[in-house]
Amino acid sequence: MNFLRSALLFAAFTCGAFAADITGTWKAVFLGPQDRLPKTVPYMTFELDANGNQLTGLAHMGGWPGDALIQDGKIDGDAISFTAVGKLPWSSSSREGEASGYPRLRFKGTVQGRELKLTVVWDSVMIYGRPSEVQQYQMEGKKTSD
């Protein structure tokens, strides 16, 4: 019984310690050729708050797509995932018709110490028309404050 209690306390402590490492402010930059990177935002800052296996906070994504609450945030060991939906919609017109939507960015990655690696899938929450092209980017970041 004491062994089980000790194991549970150890597990709770290590999960809590890891969660505390994620909590803080992170700055991430896009990787890859300049001509394939988003033109509206050179980097993003994330204010992350870990609570057990849940991740909440705020994503600062430049002037556009703007600031957004972190949604569906999850922590699984050193893996994290979350979604951020910009508040400013995009719109386009072409011979194929008109379309509009809100930028939706889905982040998946890993945290190791004070370093962050993310894959970002950038698509849209459609308002009307046809969906925009889905883009995928790689990002790396560092923790800037606790």
Protein backbone atom coordinates (compact mmCIF):
# COMPACT_ATOMS: atom_id res chain seq x y z
CA MET A 1 0.00 0.00 0.00
CA ASN A 2 2.83 2.43 0.81
CA PHE A 3 4.46 1.63 -2.54
CA LEU A 4 1.22 2.47 -4.40
CA ARG A 5 0.79 5.71 -2.45
CA SER A 6 4.42 6.68 -3.17
CA ALA A 7 4.01 5.89 -6.87
CA LEU A 8 0.86 8.02 -7.09
CA LEU A 9 2.53 10.93 -5.30
CA PHE A 10 5.57 10.67 -7.60
CA ALA A 11 3.33 10.63 -10.69
CA ALA A 12 1.36 13.63 -9.47
CA PHE A 13 4.54 15.54 -8.66
CA THR A 14 6.24 14.83 -11.99
CA CYS A 15 3.12 15.73 -14.00
CA GLY A 16 2.74 18.92 -12.00
CA ALA A 17 6.40 19.79 -12.42
CA PHE A 18 6.21 19.31 -16.19
CA ALA A 19 3.02 21.36 -16.42
CA ALA A 20 4.75 24.20 -14.58
CA ASP A 21 7.53 24.12 -17.20
CA ILE A 22 5.02 24.76 -20.01
CA THR A 23 3.33 27.63 -18.18
CA GLY A 24 4.85 30.93 -19.28
CA THR A 25 5.48 33.06 -22.35
CA TRP A 26 6.95 31.51 -25.50
CA LYS A 27 8.16 33.16 -28.73
CA ALA A 28 8.21 31.03 -31.89
CA VAL A 29 9.50 31.83 -35.39
CA PHE A 30 8.63 30.20 -38.70
CA LEU A 31 11.20 27.94 -40.35
CA GLY A 32 11.76 27.41 -44.05
CA PRO A 33 12.34 29.42 -47.21
CA GLN A 34 11.22 33.05 -46.92
CA ASP A 35 9.01 32.78 -50.03
CA ARG A 36 6.98 30.02 -48.37
CA LEU A 37 6.37 31.71 -45.01
CA PRO A 38 3.27 33.70 -44.01
CA LYS A 39 3.68 37.34 -45.01
CA THR A 40 1.43 38.77 -42.32
CA VAL A 41 3.26 37.51 -39.23
CA PRO A 42 7.00 36.76 -38.85
CA TYR A 43 6.68 35.22 -35.37
CA MET A 44 4.08 34.38 -32.73
CA THR A 45 4.05 34.72 -28.97
CA PHE A 46 2.10 32.34 -26.76
CA GLU A 47 1.06 32.90 -23.15
CA LEU A 48 0.51 29.32 -22.01
CA ASP A 49 -1.06 28.08 -18.80
CA ALA A 50 -0.91 24.36 -17.98
CA ASN A 51 -3.39 22.75 -15.61
CA GLY A 52 -2.90 18.99 -15.51
CA ASN A 53 -3.32 17.78 -19.09
CA GLN A 54 -5.19 20.93 -20.20
CA LEU A 55 -3.52 23.88 -21.91
CA THR A 56 -5.08 27.34 -22.05
CA GLY A 57 -3.82 30.84 -22.76
CA LEU A 58 -3.51 33.41 -25.49
CA ALA A 59 -1.84 33.34 -28.92
CA HIS A 60 -0.47 36.66 -30.21
CA MET A 61 -0.36 36.19 -33.99
CA GLY A 62 0.61 39.64 -35.27
CA GLY A 63 -1.78 42.23 -36.72
CA TRP A 64 -3.49 39.47 -38.70
CA PRO A 65 -4.75 36.94 -37.74
CA GLY A 66 -4.43 38.84 -34.43
CA ASP A 67 -4.75 37.71 -30.83
CA ALA A 68 -6.83 34.64 -30.03
CA LEU A 69 -7.72 32.48 -27.08
CA ILE A 70 -6.18 29.03 -27.10
CA GLN A 71 -8.87 26.37 -27.60
CA ASP A 72 -8.81 22.59 -27.27
CA GLY A 73 -5.39 22.72 -25.58
CA LYS A 74 -3.95 19.36 -24.52
CA ILE A 75 -0.75 18.14 -22.88
CA ASP A 76 0.42 14.54 -23.20
CA GLY A 77 3.92 14.12 -21.77
CA ASP A 78 6.13 16.49 -23.76
CA ALA A 79 3.54 16.74 -26.58
CA ILE A 80 1.16 19.70 -26.80
CA SER A 81 -1.66 20.65 -29.15
CA PHE A 82 -4.04 23.58 -29.38
CA THR A 83 -6.09 25.67 -31.79
CA ALA A 84 -6.33 29.45 -32.21
CA VAL A 85 -8.94 31.18 -34.39
CA GLY A 86 -8.21 34.76 -35.46
CA LYS A 87 -10.83 37.45 -34.88
CA LEU A 88 -10.39 39.20 -38.23
CA PRO A 89 -11.88 37.40 -41.27
CA TRP A 90 -10.24 37.17 -44.68
CA SER A 91 -12.14 37.58 -47.94
CA SER A 92 -11.38 37.01 -51.60
CA SER A 93 -13.06 37.47 -54.96
CA SER A 94 -12.29 35.67 -58.20
CA ARG A 95 -14.03 34.32 -61.27
CA GLU A 96 -14.91 31.29 -59.16
CA GLY A 97 -16.87 33.46 -56.72
CA GLU A 98 -16.44 35.14 -53.37
CA ALA A 99 -15.33 33.55 -50.13
CA SER A 100 -14.64 34.56 -46.55
CA GLY A 101 -13.58 32.92 -43.32
CA TYR A 102 -11.71 33.28 -40.07
CA PRO A 103 -8.12 32.03 -39.96
CA ARG A 104 -7.85 28.85 -37.88
CA LEU A 105 -4.40 27.69 -36.83
CA ARG A 106 -3.92 24.21 -35.37
CA PHE A 107 -0.69 23.70 -33.47
CA LYS A 108 0.95 20.37 -32.57
CA GLY A 109 4.41 19.97 -31.16
CA THR A 110 6.75 19.19 -28.33
CA VAL A 111 8.24 21.05 -25.40
CA GLN A 112 11.68 20.09 -24.15
CA GLY A 113 12.93 22.27 -21.33
CA ARG A 114 12.75 25.85 -22.60
CA GLU A 115 12.49 24.88 -26.29
CA LEU A 116 9.37 24.44 -28.38
CA LYS A 117 8.88 22.79 -31.79
CA LEU A 118 5.55 23.19 -33.57
CA THR A 119 3.82 22.15 -36.77
CA VAL A 120 1.09 24.63 -37.71
CA VAL A 121 -1.80 23.79 -40.01
CA TRP A 122 -3.32 27.09 -41.20
CA ASP A 123 -6.82 26.80 -42.64
CA SER A 124 -10.14 28.58 -42.08
CA VAL A 125 -13.46 28.50 -40.30
CA MET A 126 -15.60 29.31 -43.34
CA ILE A 127 -18.25 32.01 -43.35
CA TYR A 128 -19.27 31.54 -47.01
CA GLY A 129 -17.82 30.38 -50.31
CA ARG A 130 -15.12 27.80 -50.93
CA PRO A 131 -12.40 27.00 -48.39
CA SER A 132 -9.02 28.61 -48.82
CA GLU A 133 -5.90 26.55 -49.40
CA VAL A 134 -4.57 24.80 -46.30
CA GLN A 135 -0.95 25.65 -45.47
CA GLN A 136 1.42 23.84 -43.13
CA TYR A 137 4.43 25.45 -41.45
CA GLN A 138 7.18 24.50 -39.02
CA MET A 139 8.07 26.71 -36.06
CA GLU A 140 10.69 26.73 -33.31
CA GLY A 141 10.54 28.74 -30.16
CA LYS A 142 11.96 29.47 -26.75
CA LYS A 143 10.48 30.30 -23.40
CA THR A 144 10.95 34.00 -22.70
CA SER A 145 9.45 34.19 -19.20
CA ASP A 146 7.93 31.96 -16.52
